[in-house]
Amino acid sequence: MNHRHPRPLLRAACTAPLPFVRSALLAAYLAAHLAAFFTALVAAFLATAMLSPAGAVDVPHRNPPAEEKAVRQAREAIAEQSWLRAAELLQAHVRAYPDDADAHNLLGYSLRQLERYELSQAAYERALAIEPEHLGAHEYLGQLMLTLGRRDRALHHLSTLERLCQAQCEGYQQLKRSLESAAPARPRGYGR
């Protein structure tokens, strides 16, 4: 049989008279071509990563386009202080994407603005169940606890934020300011 091989090394591997020579030449051919293949693959991966818009999503390892649209619309409603619209959008969204910690956090925020505190707390707690180190959920749950007079729980979330971001994140600063400006809780029976 007459085989045509475009690569001289591969042709030599196929026509070598001794099996061990064929094996050695074939191994050399594969090594050279696999190295080039993997180099091209890594280059393509890096080029794709560099073309992705930085910060386009809260969590870069998920968020299909439909999901992004719903969250974007909810963020627009929040910016307009349309709390009910934001809550409705986010409730529908978390039914479709129950593991979206950011959406649960935004839902909690919207519900807190509507003074639906129990539902707000449940949304924040769900966000933290999904992502225990979610900075926004710790801040907002701390704010909610402060609103409900649970200063001890607000302090707990402040200390968690301090541990997570070394007191450098905006959430820590906001919750700390809120705690400092809030009147300390009075003991029961005080002022009677």
Protein backbone atom coordinates (compact mmCIF):
# COMPACT_ATOMS: atom_id res chain seq x y z
CA MET A 1 0.00 0.00 0.00
CA ASN A 2 1.20 3.41 -0.85
CA HIS A 3 0.33 5.93 1.87
CA ARG A 4 1.00 9.62 1.35
CA HIS A 5 2.01 11.45 4.51
CA PRO A 6 2.29 15.22 4.40
CA ARG A 7 4.65 15.33 7.37
CA PRO A 8 8.17 13.87 6.93
CA LEU A 9 8.39 12.75 10.58
CA LEU A 10 5.08 10.93 10.35
CA ARG A 11 6.12 9.36 7.02
CA ALA A 12 9.39 8.19 8.60
CA ALA A 13 7.45 6.74 11.56
CA CYS A 14 5.19 4.75 9.27
CA THR A 15 7.98 3.45 7.02
CA ALA A 16 10.69 2.74 9.62
CA PRO A 17 11.89 -0.84 9.38
CA LEU A 18 12.06 -1.57 13.13
CA PRO A 19 9.01 -1.34 15.42
CA PHE A 20 10.82 0.54 18.21
CA VAL A 21 12.04 3.14 15.69
CA ARG A 22 8.48 3.53 14.42
CA SER A 23 7.24 3.99 17.99
CA ALA A 24 9.91 6.57 18.82
CA LEU A 25 9.28 8.57 15.64
CA LEU A 26 5.51 8.46 16.14
CA ALA A 27 5.90 9.63 19.75
CA ALA A 28 8.09 12.55 18.60
CA TYR A 29 5.52 13.51 15.97
CA LEU A 30 2.63 13.41 18.45
CA ALA A 31 4.57 15.38 21.08
CA ALA A 32 5.37 18.15 18.62
CA HIS A 33 1.80 18.43 17.34
CA LEU A 34 0.08 18.10 20.71
CA ALA A 35 2.25 20.88 22.13
CA ALA A 36 1.20 23.15 19.26
CA PHE A 37 -2.44 22.15 19.73
CA PHE A 38 -2.46 22.89 23.46
CA THR A 39 -0.62 26.19 22.93
CA ALA A 40 -3.31 27.22 20.43
CA LEU A 41 -6.06 26.08 22.80
CA VAL A 42 -4.66 28.12 25.72
CA ALA A 43 -4.23 31.17 23.46
CA ALA A 44 -7.85 30.90 22.31
CA PHE A 45 -9.08 30.57 25.89
CA LEU A 46 -7.10 33.61 27.03
CA ALA A 47 -8.31 35.68 24.08
CA THR A 48 -11.91 34.80 24.90
CA ALA A 49 -11.43 35.67 28.57
CA MET A 50 -9.90 39.04 27.67
CA LEU A 51 -12.81 39.89 25.39
CA SER A 52 -15.42 39.25 28.09
CA PRO A 53 -16.74 42.46 29.62
CA ALA A 54 -15.29 42.79 33.11
CA GLY A 55 -17.85 43.21 35.85
CA ALA A 56 -20.77 42.53 33.54
CA VAL A 57 -22.34 40.14 36.03
CA ASP A 58 -22.28 39.76 39.78
CA VAL A 59 -21.24 36.13 39.62
CA PRO A 60 -19.10 35.37 36.55
CA HIS A 61 -19.67 31.59 36.49
CA ARG A 62 -23.39 31.79 35.68
CA ASN A 63 -26.08 34.12 34.34
CA PRO A 64 -27.53 33.23 30.97
CA PRO A 65 -28.82 36.24 28.97
CA ALA A 66 -32.47 35.82 30.04
CA GLU A 67 -31.39 35.81 33.66
CA GLU A 68 -29.25 38.89 33.18
CA LYS A 69 -32.19 40.75 31.59
CA ALA A 70 -34.48 40.03 34.54
CA VAL A 71 -31.91 41.11 37.11
CA ARG A 72 -31.06 44.22 35.07
CA GLN A 73 -34.74 45.19 34.96
CA ALA A 74 -35.02 44.63 38.71
CA ARG A 75 -31.95 46.81 39.33
CA GLU A 76 -33.52 49.54 37.19
CA ALA A 77 -36.71 49.31 39.26
CA ILE A 78 -34.64 49.55 42.46
CA ALA A 79 -32.82 52.62 41.12
CA GLU A 80 -36.23 54.19 40.45
CA GLN A 81 -37.36 53.13 43.95
CA SER A 82 -40.11 51.03 42.39
CA TRP A 83 -39.86 48.52 45.21
CA LEU A 84 -42.99 46.55 44.36
CA ARG A 85 -41.99 46.14 40.70
CA ALA A 86 -38.47 45.11 41.72
CA ALA A 87 -39.85 42.59 44.22
CA GLU A 88 -42.21 41.10 41.62
CA LEU A 89 -39.44 40.79 39.03
CA LEU A 90 -37.05 39.23 41.54
CA GLN A 91 -39.64 36.81 42.94
CA ALA A 92 -40.27 35.48 39.43
CA HIS A 93 -36.54 35.36 38.82
CA VAL A 94 -35.67 33.37 41.96
CA ARG A 95 -38.41 30.87 41.14
CA ALA A 96 -36.63 30.23 37.83
CA TYR A 97 -33.09 30.50 39.30
CA PRO A 98 -33.34 29.46 42.96
CA ASP A 99 -29.56 29.39 43.48
CA ASP A 100 -28.95 33.03 42.54
CA ALA A 101 -27.67 34.56 45.78
CA ASP A 102 -27.45 38.06 44.30
CA ALA A 103 -31.11 37.98 43.26
CA HIS A 104 -32.20 36.75 46.70
CA ASN A 105 -30.20 39.60 48.24
CA LEU A 106 -31.83 42.18 45.95
CA LEU A 107 -35.23 40.65 46.68
CA GLY A 108 -34.56 41.02 50.41
CA TYR A 109 -33.57 44.64 49.88
CA SER A 110 -36.74 45.41 47.89
CA LEU A 111 -38.96 43.68 50.45
CA ARG A 112 -37.24 45.57 53.28
CA GLN A 113 -38.04 48.84 51.53
CA LEU A 114 -41.69 47.68 51.39
CA GLU A 115 -41.47 46.93 55.14
CA ARG A 116 -42.16 43.24 54.55
CA TYR A 117 -39.56 42.31 57.09
CA GLU A 118 -40.21 38.59 57.52
CA LEU A 119 -40.05 37.97 53.77
CA SER A 120 -37.01 40.23 53.53
CA GLN A 121 -35.22 38.28 56.23
CA ALA A 122 -36.06 34.98 54.53
CA ALA A 123 -34.62 36.28 51.23
CA TYR A 124 -31.38 37.43 52.89
CA GLU A 125 -31.04 34.14 54.75
CA ARG A 126 -31.54 32.23 51.49
CA ALA A 127 -28.80 34.34 49.86
CA LEU A 128 -26.48 33.45 52.73
CA ALA A 129 -27.43 29.77 52.57
CA ILE A 130 -26.35 29.80 48.91
CA GLU A 131 -23.28 31.98 49.43
CA PRO A 132 -22.28 32.28 53.12
CA GLU A 133 -19.76 35.04 52.43
CA HIS A 134 -22.12 37.27 50.42
CA LEU A 135 -21.12 40.76 51.56
CA GLY A 136 -24.31 42.49 50.47
CA ALA A 137 -26.56 39.98 52.22
CA HIS A 138 -24.60 40.39 55.48
CA GLU A 139 -24.84 44.17 55.27
CA TYR A 140 -28.53 44.27 54.40
CA LEU A 141 -29.49 41.60 56.93
CA GLY A 142 -27.58 43.63 59.52
CA GLN A 143 -29.55 46.73 58.49
CA LEU A 144 -32.80 44.76 58.81
CA MET A 145 -31.83 43.48 62.23
CA LEU A 146 -31.14 47.05 63.30
CA THR A 147 -34.58 48.11 62.02
CA LEU A 148 -36.16 45.30 64.01
CA GLY A 149 -34.31 46.32 67.17
CA ARG A 150 -32.00 43.30 67.06
CA ARG A 151 -28.77 45.21 67.60
CA ASP A 152 -26.99 42.04 68.71
CA ARG A 153 -27.70 40.39 65.35
CA ALA A 154 -26.69 43.56 63.47
CA LEU A 155 -23.38 43.50 65.38
CA HIS A 156 -22.96 39.84 64.43
CA HIS A 157 -23.25 40.72 60.73
CA LEU A 158 -20.90 43.67 61.19
CA SER A 159 -18.26 41.38 62.72
CA THR A 160 -18.77 38.91 59.86
CA LEU A 161 -18.21 41.71 57.34
CA GLU A 162 -15.13 42.82 59.26
CA ARG A 163 -13.73 39.30 59.01
CA LEU A 164 -14.62 38.91 55.32
CA CYS A 165 -13.34 42.24 54.03
CA GLN A 166 -11.03 43.43 56.82
CA ALA A 167 -13.39 46.39 57.47
CA GLN A 168 -12.50 47.83 54.04
CA CYS A 169 -15.69 47.15 52.08
CA GLU A 170 -18.52 49.61 51.64
CA GLY A 171 -21.01 47.23 53.27
CA TYR A 172 -19.01 47.18 56.48
CA GLN A 173 -18.71 50.98 56.50
CA GLN A 174 -22.44 51.47 55.86
CA LEU A 175 -23.56 49.04 58.55
CA LYS A 176 -21.07 50.49 61.02
CA ARG A 177 -22.40 54.03 60.38
CA SER A 178 -25.96 52.80 60.82
CA LEU A 179 -25.08 51.12 64.11
CA GLU A 180 -23.27 54.22 65.35
CA SER A 181 -26.17 56.52 64.49
CA ALA A 182 -28.89 54.22 65.89
CA ALA A 183 -29.92 54.74 69.47
CA PRO A 184 -28.75 51.86 71.62
CA ALA A 185 -31.51 49.45 72.51
CA ARG A 186 -32.96 50.18 75.94
CA PRO A 187 -33.34 47.35 78.44
CA ARG A 188 -36.87 46.10 79.00
CA GLY A 189 -38.71 48.06 81.65
CA TYR A 190 -36.52 51.13 81.13
CA GLY A 191 -38.32 54.46 81.64
CA ARG A 192 -41.42 53.08 83.38
